[in-house]
Amino acid sequence: RENISIPLPVKTRWNSQHHTICKVLEISLTLLNDLLRNVGRADLVLTARDIIILQEFASIFALFAEATTRTQIENSASISLVAPSVLSIYYDLEHEQANCKYLGSLCRTLIISLHERFGGLLERCEVFADSNMKIKKRSTSDLYKDDIYLIAPFLDGRFKLKWVVASNLSESTKERTTNIIKALLFKAALQLHGTTNNTSDCIIESSITECSTTDDDGMSNLPNFKRKRLFSGYEGQKTPMQKKRSCVSESIENEISMFEKELLDDTRLIFLKKDSYPYLHRLATRVLCVPATSAPVERVFSSSGILMRPHRSRLSKNMLSILTLLKCNRKLL
C-alpha cells in the first residue's frame, strides 16, 4: 500500500496550486484514476491528453514558481534576482512555445505579459530590439529601466555577469550589455564615493580657508614686496581634485575587474571580502538592501496573527515598528 498525499492549494498563493499539480503528476495515471473511482469521483478521471496538458502547464510555470519563492526570501539579497529571473523566464517561454502541443497560446500570452510588465528591463537587455511586436506598456514597464536591476546582480556573488553570458542573447548583445553594466557600476560607485566624502571635504576646506585668512591678516602690515615663506611650495595647497578622482576611478575599475574574476559564488561574497572591495562593498550595502517584493513586510501581518483588512488602512508607523520588532525577535520571547 502506497502512502500518497496531495497538498491542498492555498487560494492566496498561486505557486501552491502549481505545487499541487506537480504532486498529482508524480502519481501514475492508472493509480490516480483508480483512487478517483474508489472515492466516487469518476468524473475527474484523467485521460492521457489531460496528463500531457498538466505536464505542459507544470513545465511552463516551473520557473515562475521558483522565482516567486526565491524573491520572497528574507535573509538574503533578493533585488539581484529580478533581471536574471525575467531574462531566464522570457527565453524559457519562447522555448516552451515552440515545443508545447496544447498550451502554445498560453505561452504567447505570458510572453506578451512580460513585455507589458517588464518591458523596460527587456529593452535594456536588447531582448526585442529587432522585434516588430506592438506592445501596450503597463505603468510598471518604465520602472524596470532603473539602473539598480542591472547593477544588483553583479554585486551578488551568485551572478556577477554570468546571467548575461549564459543567456540566449547574441554575442554582440552580451558584450554591449556587460559593458553597460560595468559602466553603470563605475558611475554609481564613483557618485557614492563623492556624496559620502562631500561633508568631510567641506570641513577640511573651511579649516584651510580660516588658517590662510589668519596668516594673511598677520602679514598685511608688512611692506608691499614679494615675500618668502617657509614651505611655500606645498604648505596649504590642496591636492588637485582631478588627481584624487583619477586614483579613485582606477581603484573602482580594478575592483570591478577583480570581482568579476572571483570564483566563489556565494551571495555574501562582496561582504565577506569587503576589505578587498571597499568601493563596491559600499555600493552593495546601499543596493542589495532593497527587497524585490513586498512579501517580507506582508509577513509581519501574518506573523502577528492579525488579518490586516480593516486595520491595514489605519496602521500607524508605531504599530508597524512594534509588529516588525516582534516578528524579528519572536524566537527570543
C-alpha atoms as a PDB file:
ATOM      1  CA  ARG A   1       0.000   0.000   0.000  1.00  0.00           C
ATOM      2  CA  GLU A   2       1.458   3.320  -1.092  1.00  0.00           C
ATOM      3  CA  ASN A   3       1.314   6.448   1.035  1.00  0.00           C
ATOM      4  CA  ILE A   4       0.088   9.155  -1.313  1.00  0.00           C
ATOM      5  CA  SER A   5      -0.762  12.707  -0.345  1.00  0.00           C
ATOM      6  CA  ILE A   6      -1.781  15.681  -2.449  1.00  0.00           C
ATOM      7  CA  PRO A   7      -1.472  19.072  -0.710  1.00  0.00           C
ATOM      8  CA  LEU A   8      -4.435  21.408  -0.858  1.00  0.00           C
ATOM      9  CA  PRO A   9      -3.732  24.641  -2.762  1.00  0.00           C
ATOM     10  CA  VAL A  10      -3.893  27.929  -0.868  1.00  0.00           C
ATOM     11  CA  LYS A  11      -6.115  30.487  -2.566  1.00  0.00           C
ATOM     12  CA  THR A  12      -3.814  33.410  -1.790  1.00  0.00           C
ATOM     13  CA  ARG A  13      -0.670  31.702  -3.142  1.00  0.00           C
ATOM     14  CA  TRP A  14      -0.753  30.721  -6.794  1.00  0.00           C
ATOM     15  CA  ASN A  15       2.505  28.754  -6.528  1.00  0.00           C
ATOM     16  CA  SER A  16       0.815  26.377  -4.071  1.00  0.00           C
ATOM     17  CA  GLN A  17      -1.556  25.407  -6.910  1.00  0.00           C
ATOM     18  CA  HIS A  18       1.464  24.696  -9.107  1.00  0.00           C
ATOM     19  CA  HIS A  19       2.891  22.556  -6.308  1.00  0.00           C
ATOM     20  CA  THR A  20      -0.392  20.614  -6.094  1.00  0.00           C
ATOM     21  CA  ILE A  21      -0.363  19.869  -9.831  1.00  0.00           C
ATOM     22  CA  CYS A  22       3.257  18.698  -9.637  1.00  0.00           C
ATOM     23  CA  LYS A  23       2.315  16.302  -6.829  1.00  0.00           C
ATOM     24  CA  VAL A  24      -0.571  14.939  -8.919  1.00  0.00           C
ATOM     25  CA  LEU A  25       1.812  14.312 -11.820  1.00  0.00           C
ATOM     26  CA  GLU A  26       4.080  12.264  -9.552  1.00  0.00           C
ATOM     27  CA  ILE A  27       1.317   9.652  -9.234  1.00  0.00           C
ATOM     28  CA  SER A  28       0.955   7.105 -12.035  1.00  0.00           C
ATOM     29  CA  LEU A  29      -2.107   7.655 -14.228  1.00  0.00           C
ATOM     30  CA  THR A  30      -3.550   4.194 -13.557  1.00  0.00           C
ATOM     31  CA  LEU A  31      -3.227   4.502  -9.785  1.00  0.00           C
ATOM     32  CA  LEU A  32      -4.615   8.042  -9.789  1.00  0.00           C
ATOM     33  CA  ASN A  33      -7.704   7.055 -11.770  1.00  0.00           C
ATOM     34  CA  ASP A  34      -8.281   4.009  -9.538  1.00  0.00           C
ATOM     35  CA  LEU A  35      -8.191   6.243  -6.474  1.00  0.00           C
ATOM     36  CA  LEU A  36     -10.666   8.666  -8.055  1.00  0.00           C
ATOM     37  CA  ARG A  37     -13.087   5.836  -8.846  1.00  0.00           C
ATOM     38  CA  ASN A  38     -12.757   4.418  -5.326  1.00  0.00           C
ATOM     39  CA  VAL A  39     -13.795   7.733  -3.778  1.00  0.00           C
ATOM     40  CA  GLY A  40     -16.724   8.097  -6.171  1.00  0.00           C
ATOM     41  CA  ARG A  41     -15.208  10.801  -8.395  1.00  0.00           C
ATOM     42  CA  ALA A  42     -15.190   9.044 -11.747  1.00  0.00           C
ATOM     43  CA  ASP A  43     -15.990  12.431 -13.315  1.00  0.00           C
ATOM     44  CA  LEU A  44     -12.413  13.522 -12.502  1.00  0.00           C
ATOM     45  CA  VAL A  45     -10.699  10.575 -14.179  1.00  0.00           C
ATOM     46  CA  LEU A  46      -7.850  11.855 -16.359  1.00  0.00           C
ATOM     47  CA  THR A  47      -7.038  10.857 -19.912  1.00  0.00           C
ATOM     48  CA  ALA A  48      -3.578  10.725 -21.499  1.00  0.00           C
ATOM     49  CA  ARG A  49      -4.339  14.080 -23.152  1.00  0.00           C
ATOM     50  CA  ASP A  50      -5.185  15.609 -19.764  1.00  0.00           C
ATOM     51  CA  ILE A  51      -1.858  14.448 -18.350  1.00  0.00           C
ATOM     52  CA  ILE A  52       0.066  15.998 -21.260  1.00  0.00           C
ATOM     53  CA  ILE A  53      -1.737  19.310 -20.727  1.00  0.00           C
ATOM     54  CA  LEU A  54      -0.949  19.229 -16.998  1.00  0.00           C
ATOM     55  CA  GLN A  55       2.689  18.392 -17.728  1.00  0.00           C
ATOM     56  CA  GLU A  56       2.942  21.326 -20.142  1.00  0.00           C
ATOM     57  CA  PHE A  57       1.294  23.599 -17.575  1.00  0.00           C
ATOM     58  CA  ALA A  58       3.709  22.498 -14.837  1.00  0.00           C
ATOM     59  CA  SER A  59       6.689  22.968 -17.142  1.00  0.00           C
ATOM     60  CA  ILE A  60       5.596  26.444 -18.287  1.00  0.00           C
ATOM     61  CA  PHE A  61       5.146  27.744 -14.755  1.00  0.00           C
ATOM     62  CA  ALA A  62       8.119  25.952 -13.161  1.00  0.00           C
ATOM     63  CA  LEU A  63      10.431  28.985 -13.392  1.00  0.00           C
ATOM     64  CA  PHE A  64       7.625  31.333 -12.326  1.00  0.00           C
ATOM     65  CA  ALA A  65       7.119  29.264  -9.172  1.00  0.00           C
ATOM     66  CA  GLU A  66      10.840  29.157  -8.401  1.00  0.00           C
ATOM     67  CA  ALA A  67      11.194  32.912  -8.952  1.00  0.00           C
ATOM     68  CA  THR A  68       8.213  33.553  -6.660  1.00  0.00           C
ATOM     69  CA  THR A  69       9.795  31.503  -3.872  1.00  0.00           C
ATOM     70  CA  ARG A  70      13.301  32.909  -4.292  1.00  0.00           C
ATOM     71  CA  THR A  71      12.290  36.583  -4.424  1.00  0.00           C
ATOM     72  CA  GLN A  72      10.297  36.281  -1.197  1.00  0.00           C
ATOM     73  CA  ILE A  73      13.256  35.267   0.971  1.00  0.00           C
ATOM     74  CA  GLU A  74      14.093  37.466   3.940  1.00  0.00           C
ATOM     75  CA  ASN A  75      17.667  36.675   4.961  1.00  0.00           C
ATOM     76  CA  SER A  76      19.394  37.096   1.608  1.00  0.00           C
ATOM     77  CA  ALA A  77      19.548  39.632  -1.223  1.00  0.00           C
ATOM     78  CA  SER A  78      16.501  39.451  -3.498  1.00  0.00           C
ATOM     79  CA  ILE A  79      16.700  42.545  -5.738  1.00  0.00           C
ATOM     80  CA  SER A  80      19.595  40.870  -7.582  1.00  0.00           C
ATOM     81  CA  LEU A  81      17.239  38.066  -8.675  1.00  0.00           C
ATOM     82  CA  VAL A  82      14.952  40.272 -10.761  1.00  0.00           C
ATOM     83  CA  ALA A  83      16.919  40.717 -14.003  1.00  0.00           C
ATOM     84  CA  PRO A  84      18.309  37.143 -14.186  1.00  0.00           C
ATOM     85  CA  SER A  85      14.850  35.710 -13.420  1.00  0.00           C
ATOM     86  CA  VAL A  86      12.999  37.813 -16.007  1.00  0.00           C
ATOM     87  CA  LEU A  87      15.557  37.023 -18.711  1.00  0.00           C
ATOM     88  CA  SER A  88      15.526  33.279 -17.943  1.00  0.00           C
ATOM     89  CA  ILE A  89      11.726  33.125 -17.865  1.00  0.00           C
ATOM     90  CA  TYR A  90      11.437  35.023 -21.154  1.00  0.00           C
ATOM     91  CA  TYR A  91      13.680  32.653 -23.092  1.00  0.00           C
ATOM     92  CA  ASP A  92      12.163  29.607 -21.383  1.00  0.00           C
ATOM     93  CA  LEU A  93       8.700  30.723 -22.550  1.00  0.00           C
ATOM     94  CA  GLU A  94       9.986  31.065 -26.110  1.00  0.00           C
ATOM     95  CA  HIS A  95      11.338  27.514 -25.877  1.00  0.00           C
ATOM     96  CA  GLU A  96       8.075  26.191 -24.405  1.00  0.00           C
ATOM     97  CA  GLN A  97       6.041  27.955 -27.089  1.00  0.00           C
ATOM     98  CA  ALA A  98       7.964  26.121 -29.786  1.00  0.00           C
ATOM     99  CA  ASN A  99       7.572  22.720 -28.087  1.00  0.00           C
ATOM    100  CA  CYS A 100       4.123  22.790 -26.456  1.00  0.00           C
ATOM    101  CA  LYS A 101       1.423  20.759 -28.193  1.00  0.00           C
ATOM    102  CA  TYR A 102      -1.634  22.206 -26.458  1.00  0.00           C
ATOM    103  CA  LEU A 103      -0.614  25.311 -24.485  1.00  0.00           C
ATOM    104  CA  GLY A 104       1.266  27.352 -27.086  1.00  0.00           C
ATOM    105  CA  SER A 105      -1.324  30.138 -26.839  1.00  0.00           C
ATOM    106  CA  LEU A 106      -0.741  30.341 -23.072  1.00  0.00           C
ATOM    107  CA  CYS A 107       2.987  30.829 -23.716  1.00  0.00           C
ATOM    108  CA  ARG A 108       2.277  33.635 -26.190  1.00  0.00           C
ATOM    109  CA  THR A 109       0.012  35.353 -23.676  1.00  0.00           C
ATOM    110  CA  LEU A 110       2.652  35.117 -20.950  1.00  0.00           C
ATOM    111  CA  ILE A 111       5.356  36.486 -23.279  1.00  0.00           C
ATOM    112  CA  ILE A 112       3.156  39.482 -24.107  1.00  0.00           C
ATOM    113  CA  SER A 113       2.517  39.986 -20.390  1.00  0.00           C
ATOM    114  CA  LEU A 114       6.281  40.002 -19.736  1.00  0.00           C
ATOM    115  CA  HIS A 115       6.697  42.627 -22.458  1.00  0.00           C
ATOM    116  CA  GLU A 116       3.977  44.760 -20.896  1.00  0.00           C
ATOM    117  CA  ARG A 117       5.140  44.487 -17.292  1.00  0.00           C
ATOM    118  CA  PHE A 118       8.938  44.263 -17.596  1.00  0.00           C
ATOM    119  CA  GLY A 119       9.426  45.921 -20.981  1.00  0.00           C
ATOM    120  CA  GLY A 120      11.859  48.495 -19.602  1.00  0.00           C
ATOM    121  CA  LEU A 121      14.249  45.812 -18.360  1.00  0.00           C
ATOM    122  CA  LEU A 122      13.943  43.716 -21.523  1.00  0.00           C
ATOM    123  CA  GLU A 123      14.673  46.796 -23.633  1.00  0.00           C
ATOM    124  CA  ARG A 124      17.853  47.494 -21.694  1.00  0.00           C
ATOM    125  CA  CYS A 125      18.948  43.916 -22.344  1.00  0.00           C
ATOM    126  CA  GLU A 126      18.061  44.387 -26.038  1.00  0.00           C
ATOM    127  CA  VAL A 127      15.853  41.313 -25.935  1.00  0.00           C
ATOM    128  CA  PHE A 128      13.404  42.507 -28.577  1.00  0.00           C
ATOM    129  CA  ALA A 129      15.330  45.335 -30.187  1.00  0.00           C
ATOM    130  CA  ASP A 130      14.521  43.988 -33.675  1.00  0.00           C
ATOM    131  CA  SER A 131      11.014  42.787 -32.849  1.00  0.00           C
ATOM    132  CA  ASN A 132       8.003  44.180 -34.719  1.00  0.00           C
ATOM    133  CA  MET A 133       5.614  43.362 -31.868  1.00  0.00           C
ATOM    134  CA  LYS A 134       3.448  46.274 -30.795  1.00  0.00           C
ATOM    135  CA  ILE A 135       3.151  46.063 -27.035  1.00  0.00           C
ATOM    136  CA  LYS A 136       0.888  48.162 -24.859  1.00  0.00           C
ATOM    137  CA  LYS A 137       3.086  49.048 -21.907  1.00  0.00           C
ATOM    138  CA  ARG A 138       1.769  48.982 -18.368  1.00  0.00           C
ATOM    139  CA  SER A 139       2.608  51.500 -15.677  1.00  0.00           C
ATOM    140  CA  THR A 140       5.361  49.245 -14.306  1.00  0.00           C
ATOM    141  CA  SER A 141       7.245  48.886 -17.594  1.00  0.00           C
ATOM    142  CA  ASP A 142       9.426  52.007 -17.411  1.00  0.00           C
ATOM    143  CA  LEU A 143      10.147  51.426 -13.716  1.00  0.00           C
ATOM    144  CA  TYR A 144      12.263  48.427 -14.707  1.00  0.00           C
ATOM    145  CA  LYS A 145      14.608  50.663 -16.698  1.00  0.00           C
ATOM    146  CA  ASP A 146      16.186  51.676 -13.396  1.00  0.00           C
ATOM    147  CA  ASP A 147      19.928  51.026 -13.165  1.00  0.00           C
ATOM    148  CA  ILE A 148      19.519  49.050  -9.935  1.00  0.00           C
ATOM    149  CA  TYR A 149      18.205  46.000 -11.822  1.00  0.00           C
ATOM    150  CA  LEU A 150      21.444  45.765 -13.834  1.00  0.00           C
ATOM    151  CA  ILE A 151      23.810  46.754 -11.012  1.00  0.00           C
ATOM    152  CA  ALA A 152      22.426  44.441  -8.302  1.00  0.00           C
ATOM    153  CA  PRO A 153      23.149  41.069  -9.997  1.00  0.00           C
ATOM    154  CA  PHE A 154      26.831  41.956 -10.459  1.00  0.00           C
ATOM    155  CA  LEU A 155      27.197  42.678  -6.733  1.00  0.00           C
ATOM    156  CA  ASP A 156      25.619  39.303  -5.902  1.00  0.00           C
ATOM    157  CA  GLY A 157      28.311  36.616  -5.910  1.00  0.00           C
ATOM    158  CA  ARG A 158      25.864  34.106  -7.414  1.00  0.00           C
ATOM    159  CA  PHE A 159      25.500  36.040 -10.653  1.00  0.00           C
ATOM    160  CA  LYS A 160      28.103  38.727 -11.395  1.00  0.00           C
ATOM    161  CA  LEU A 161      27.922  38.774 -15.231  1.00  0.00           C
ATOM    162  CA  LYS A 162      27.135  35.074 -15.646  1.00  0.00           C
ATOM    163  CA  TRP A 163      23.404  35.715 -16.082  1.00  0.00           C
ATOM    164  CA  VAL A 164      24.190  37.707 -19.244  1.00  0.00           C
ATOM    165  CA  VAL A 165      26.971  35.496 -20.605  1.00  0.00           C
ATOM    166  CA  ALA A 166      24.931  32.286 -20.163  1.00  0.00           C
ATOM    167  CA  SER A 167      21.739  33.734 -21.678  1.00  0.00           C
ATOM    168  CA  ASN A 168      20.402  33.307 -25.216  1.00  0.00           C
ATOM    169  CA  LEU A 169      21.320  36.857 -26.186  1.00  0.00           C
ATOM    170  CA  SER A 170      23.511  37.275 -29.249  1.00  0.00           C
ATOM    171  CA  GLU A 171      27.253  37.562 -28.659  1.00  0.00           C
ATOM    172  CA  SER A 172      27.327  41.219 -29.677  1.00  0.00           C
ATOM    173  CA  THR A 173      24.401  41.997 -27.351  1.00  0.00           C
ATOM    174  CA  LYS A 174      26.114  40.163 -24.497  1.00  0.00           C
ATOM    175  CA  GLU A 175      29.240  42.261 -24.982  1.00  0.00           C
ATOM    176  CA  ARG A 176      27.285  45.527 -25.104  1.00  0.00           C
ATOM    177  CA  THR A 177      25.211  44.611 -22.049  1.00  0.00           C
ATOM    178  CA  THR A 178      28.231  43.609 -19.952  1.00  0.00           C
ATOM    179  CA  ASN A 179      29.997  46.845 -20.895  1.00  0.00           C
ATOM    180  CA  ILE A 180      26.896  48.843 -19.947  1.00  0.00           C
ATOM    181  CA  ILE A 181      26.705  47.078 -16.575  1.00  0.00           C
ATOM    182  CA  LYS A 182      30.371  47.808 -15.835  1.00  0.00           C
ATOM    183  CA  ALA A 183      29.895  51.457 -16.810  1.00  0.00           C
ATOM    184  CA  LEU A 184      26.838  51.746 -14.543  1.00  0.00           C
ATOM    185  CA  LEU A 185      28.750  50.146 -11.663  1.00  0.00           C
ATOM    186  CA  PHE A 186      31.666  52.510 -12.137  1.00  0.00           C
ATOM    187  CA  LYS A 187      29.399  55.560 -12.280  1.00  0.00           C
ATOM    188  CA  ALA A 188      27.337  54.528  -9.235  1.00  0.00           C
ATOM    189  CA  ALA A 189      30.395  53.687  -7.095  1.00  0.00           C
ATOM    190  CA  LEU A 190      32.104  56.958  -8.049  1.00  0.00           C
ATOM    191  CA  GLN A 191      28.989  59.005  -7.284  1.00  0.00           C
ATOM    192  CA  LEU A 192      28.517  57.250  -3.954  1.00  0.00           C
ATOM    193  CA  HIS A 193      32.151  57.945  -3.046  1.00  0.00           C
ATOM    194  CA  GLY A 194      31.628  61.610  -3.907  1.00  0.00           C
ATOM    195  CA  THR A 195      28.481  62.035  -1.826  1.00  0.00           C
ATOM    196  CA  THR A 196      29.942  60.318   1.242  1.00  0.00           C
ATOM    197  CA  ASN A 197      33.053  62.477   1.120  1.00  0.00           C
ATOM    198  CA  ASN A 198      31.390  65.835   0.410  1.00  0.00           C
ATOM    199  CA  THR A 199      30.841  66.623   4.090  1.00  0.00           C
ATOM    200  CA  SER A 200      34.400  65.846   5.164  1.00  0.00           C
ATOM    201  CA  ASP A 201      35.803  67.765   2.177  1.00  0.00           C
ATOM    202  CA  CYS A 202      33.771  70.824   3.124  1.00  0.00           C
ATOM    203  CA  ILE A 203      35.045  70.714   6.717  1.00  0.00           C
ATOM    204  CA  ILE A 204      38.681  70.400   5.605  1.00  0.00           C
ATOM    205  CA  GLU A 205      38.286  73.177   3.041  1.00  0.00           C
ATOM    206  CA  SER A 206      36.737  75.569   5.556  1.00  0.00           C
ATOM    207  CA  SER A 207      39.537  74.942   8.085  1.00  0.00           C
ATOM    208  CA  ILE A 208      42.205  75.584   5.431  1.00  0.00           C
ATOM    209  CA  THR A 209      40.464  78.817   4.441  1.00  0.00           C
ATOM    210  CA  GLU A 210      40.385  80.024   8.049  1.00  0.00           C
ATOM    211  CA  CYS A 211      44.102  79.289   8.538  1.00  0.00           C
ATOM    212  CA  SER A 212      45.126  81.056   5.353  1.00  0.00           C
ATOM    213  CA  THR A 213      42.978  84.080   6.217  1.00  0.00           C
ATOM    214  CA  THR A 214      44.634  84.378   9.636  1.00  0.00           C
ATOM    215  CA  ASP A 215      48.091  84.171   8.079  1.00  0.00           C
ATOM    216  CA  ASP A 216      47.255  86.826   5.511  1.00  0.00           C
ATOM    217  CA  ASP A 217      45.918  89.196   8.175  1.00  0.00           C
ATOM    218  CA  GLY A 218      49.171  88.905  10.107  1.00  0.00           C
ATOM    219  CA  MET A 219      51.283  89.712   7.056  1.00  0.00           C
ATOM    220  CA  SER A 220      49.156  92.581   5.747  1.00  0.00           C
ATOM    221  CA  ASN A 221      51.046  95.282   7.702  1.00  0.00           C
ATOM    222  CA  LEU A 222      54.385  94.448   6.065  1.00  0.00           C
ATOM    223  CA  PRO A 223      55.712  96.474   3.108  1.00  0.00           C
ATOM    224  CA  ASN A 224      54.368  95.523  -0.279  1.00  0.00           C
ATOM    225  CA  PHE A 225      57.085  93.317  -1.693  1.00  0.00           C
ATOM    226  CA  LYS A 226      57.422  89.712  -2.702  1.00  0.00           C
ATOM    227  CA  ARG A 227      57.599  87.695   0.492  1.00  0.00           C
ATOM    228  CA  LYS A 228      59.439  84.467   1.009  1.00  0.00           C
ATOM    229  CA  ARG A 229      57.806  81.896   3.221  1.00  0.00           C
ATOM    230  CA  LEU A 230      58.859  78.577   4.615  1.00  0.00           C
ATOM    231  CA  PHE A 231      57.199  75.614   2.892  1.00  0.00           C
ATOM    232  CA  SER A 232      55.548  77.951   0.373  1.00  0.00           C
ATOM    233  CA  GLY A 233      55.901  75.327  -2.334  1.00  0.00           C
ATOM    234  CA  TYR A 234      53.451  72.905  -0.791  1.00  0.00           C
ATOM    235  CA  GLU A 235      52.010  74.080   2.552  1.00  0.00           C
ATOM    236  CA  GLY A 236      48.335  74.943   2.395  1.00  0.00           C
ATOM    237  CA  GLN A 237      47.944  73.702  -1.149  1.00  0.00           C
ATOM    238  CA  LYS A 238      45.168  71.200  -1.697  1.00  0.00           C
ATOM    239  CA  THR A 239      45.721  68.067  -3.747  1.00  0.00           C
ATOM    240  CA  PRO A 240      44.226  68.656  -7.181  1.00  0.00           C
ATOM    241  CA  MET A 241      40.748  67.148  -7.288  1.00  0.00           C
ATOM    242  CA  GLN A 242      41.422  65.692 -10.699  1.00  0.00           C
ATOM    243  CA  LYS A 243      44.315  63.660  -9.349  1.00  0.00           C
ATOM    244  CA  LYS A 244      42.251  62.384  -6.410  1.00  0.00           C
ATOM    245  CA  ARG A 245      39.399  61.452  -8.697  1.00  0.00           C
ATOM    246  CA  SER A 246      41.681  59.586 -11.083  1.00  0.00           C
ATOM    247  CA  CYS A 247      43.063  57.472  -8.211  1.00  0.00           C
ATOM    248  CA  VAL A 248      39.554  56.606  -7.038  1.00  0.00           C
ATOM    249  CA  SER A 249      38.455  55.839 -10.597  1.00  0.00           C
ATOM    250  CA  GLU A 250      41.375  53.496 -11.105  1.00  0.00           C
ATOM    251  CA  SER A 251      40.631  51.716  -7.821  1.00  0.00           C
ATOM    252  CA  ILE A 252      36.981  51.215  -8.741  1.00  0.00           C
ATOM    253  CA  GLU A 253      37.887  49.858 -12.175  1.00  0.00           C
ATOM    254  CA  ASN A 254      40.332  47.421 -10.584  1.00  0.00           C
ATOM    255  CA  GLU A 255      37.700  46.259  -8.079  1.00  0.00           C
ATOM    256  CA  ILE A 256      35.162  45.620 -10.848  1.00  0.00           C
ATOM    257  CA  SER A 257      37.709  43.659 -12.863  1.00  0.00           C
ATOM    258  CA  MET A 258      38.878  41.597  -9.867  1.00  0.00           C
ATOM    259  CA  PHE A 259      35.377  40.890  -8.534  1.00  0.00           C
ATOM    260  CA  GLU A 260      34.261  39.666 -11.949  1.00  0.00           C
ATOM    261  CA  LYS A 261      37.006  37.005 -11.811  1.00  0.00           C
ATOM    262  CA  GLU A 262      36.129  35.756  -8.302  1.00  0.00           C
ATOM    263  CA  LEU A 263      35.457  32.011  -8.316  1.00  0.00           C
ATOM    264  CA  LEU A 264      33.315  31.892  -5.168  1.00  0.00           C
ATOM    265  CA  ASP A 265      29.590  32.082  -5.988  1.00  0.00           C
ATOM    266  CA  ASP A 266      28.318  32.990  -2.523  1.00  0.00           C
ATOM    267  CA  THR A 267      25.721  35.757  -2.423  1.00  0.00           C
ATOM    268  CA  ARG A 268      27.628  37.254   0.557  1.00  0.00           C
ATOM    269  CA  LEU A 269      30.929  37.391  -1.338  1.00  0.00           C
ATOM    270  CA  ILE A 270      31.084  41.187  -1.512  1.00  0.00           C
ATOM    271  CA  PHE A 271      30.538  41.361   2.266  1.00  0.00           C
ATOM    272  CA  LEU A 272      32.969  38.563   3.093  1.00  0.00           C
ATOM    273  CA  LYS A 273      35.685  40.405   1.148  1.00  0.00           C
ATOM    274  CA  LYS A 274      34.709  43.959   1.985  1.00  0.00           C
ATOM    275  CA  ASP A 275      38.324  44.897   2.726  1.00  0.00           C
ATOM    276  CA  SER A 276      39.352  43.862  -0.783  1.00  0.00           C
ATOM    277  CA  TYR A 277      36.485  45.747  -2.447  1.00  0.00           C
ATOM    278  CA  PRO A 278      35.761  48.837  -0.298  1.00  0.00           C
ATOM    279  CA  TYR A 279      34.047  50.865  -3.041  1.00  0.00           C
ATOM    280  CA  LEU A 280      31.898  48.002  -4.329  1.00  0.00           C
ATOM    281  CA  HIS A 281      31.086  46.965  -0.756  1.00  0.00           C
ATOM    282  CA  ARG A 282      29.788  50.444  -0.002  1.00  0.00           C
ATOM    283  CA  LEU A 283      27.656  50.311  -3.149  1.00  0.00           C
ATOM    284  CA  ALA A 284      26.388  46.798  -2.356  1.00  0.00           C
ATOM    285  CA  THR A 285      25.330  47.907   1.125  1.00  0.00           C
ATOM    286  CA  ARG A 286      23.168  50.559  -0.500  1.00  0.00           C
ATOM    287  CA  VAL A 287      21.800  48.433  -3.364  1.00  0.00           C
ATOM    288  CA  LEU A 288      21.283  44.901  -2.031  1.00  0.00           C
ATOM    289  CA  CYS A 289      19.176  46.029   0.929  1.00  0.00           C
ATOM    290  CA  VAL A 290      16.280  46.758  -1.454  1.00  0.00           C
ATOM    291  CA  PRO A 291      13.681  43.936  -1.347  1.00  0.00           C
ATOM    292  CA  ALA A 292      12.418  42.582  -4.670  1.00  0.00           C
ATOM    293  CA  THR A 293       8.861  42.115  -3.368  1.00  0.00           C
ATOM    294  CA  SER A 294       6.648  43.298  -0.524  1.00  0.00           C
ATOM    295  CA  ALA A 295       6.443  39.752   0.890  1.00  0.00           C
ATOM    296  CA  PRO A 296       8.853  40.334   3.836  1.00  0.00           C
ATOM    297  CA  VAL A 297       6.711  43.257   5.014  1.00  0.00           C
ATOM    298  CA  GLU A 298       3.450  41.395   4.441  1.00  0.00           C
ATOM    299  CA  ARG A 299       4.708  38.525   6.597  1.00  0.00           C
ATOM    300  CA  VAL A 300       4.762  40.952   9.512  1.00  0.00           C
ATOM    301  CA  PHE A 301       0.973  40.848   9.489  1.00  0.00           C
ATOM    302  CA  SER A 302       0.646  37.077   9.131  1.00  0.00           C
ATOM    303  CA  SER A 303       3.219  36.506  11.899  1.00  0.00           C
ATOM    304  CA  SER A 304       1.348  38.796  14.245  1.00  0.00           C
ATOM    305  CA  GLY A 305      -1.832  36.786  13.780  1.00  0.00           C
ATOM    306  CA  ILE A 306      -3.781  39.800  12.561  1.00  0.00           C
ATOM    307  CA  LEU A 307      -5.614  39.659   9.250  1.00  0.00           C
ATOM    308  CA  MET A 308      -4.990  43.256   8.285  1.00  0.00           C
ATOM    309  CA  ARG A 309      -8.182  44.119   6.470  1.00  0.00           C
ATOM    310  CA  PRO A 310      -9.870  46.948   8.394  1.00  0.00           C
ATOM    311  CA  HIS A 311      -6.645  47.543  10.357  1.00  0.00           C
ATOM    312  CA  ARG A 312      -4.319  47.872   7.396  1.00  0.00           C
ATOM    313  CA  SER A 313      -5.610  51.231   6.190  1.00  0.00           C
ATOM    314  CA  ARG A 314      -5.264  52.673   9.698  1.00  0.00           C
ATOM    315  CA  LEU A 315      -1.864  51.192  10.507  1.00  0.00           C
ATOM    316  CA  SER A 316       0.363  53.737  12.229  1.00  0.00           C
ATOM    317  CA  LYS A 317       4.154  53.891  11.943  1.00  0.00           C
ATOM    318  CA  ASN A 318       4.459  52.991  15.611  1.00  0.00           C
ATOM    319  CA  MET A 319       2.280  49.889  15.235  1.00  0.00           C
ATOM    320  CA  LEU A 320       4.249  48.730  12.174  1.00  0.00           C
ATOM    321  CA  SER A 321       7.523  49.185  14.098  1.00  0.00           C
ATOM    322  CA  ILE A 322       6.189  47.151  17.022  1.00  0.00           C
ATOM    323  CA  LEU A 323       4.961  44.342  14.752  1.00  0.00           C
ATOM    324  CA  THR A 324       8.289  44.235  12.913  1.00  0.00           C
ATOM    325  CA  LEU A 325      10.194  44.132  16.208  1.00  0.00           C
ATOM    326  CA  LEU A 326       8.045  41.270  17.495  1.00  0.00           C
ATOM    327  CA  LYS A 327       8.424  39.305  14.274  1.00  0.00           C
ATOM    328  CA  CYS A 328      12.212  39.658  14.183  1.00  0.00           C
ATOM    329  CA  ASN A 329      12.611  38.729  17.843  1.00  0.00           C
ATOM    330  CA  ARG A 330       9.848  36.158  18.327  1.00  0.00           C
ATOM    331  CA  LYS A 331      12.429  33.422  18.982  1.00  0.00           C
ATOM    332  CA  LEU A 332      13.680  35.367  21.999  1.00  0.00           C
ATOM    333  CA  LEU A 333      10.237  35.782  23.552  1.00  0.00           C
END
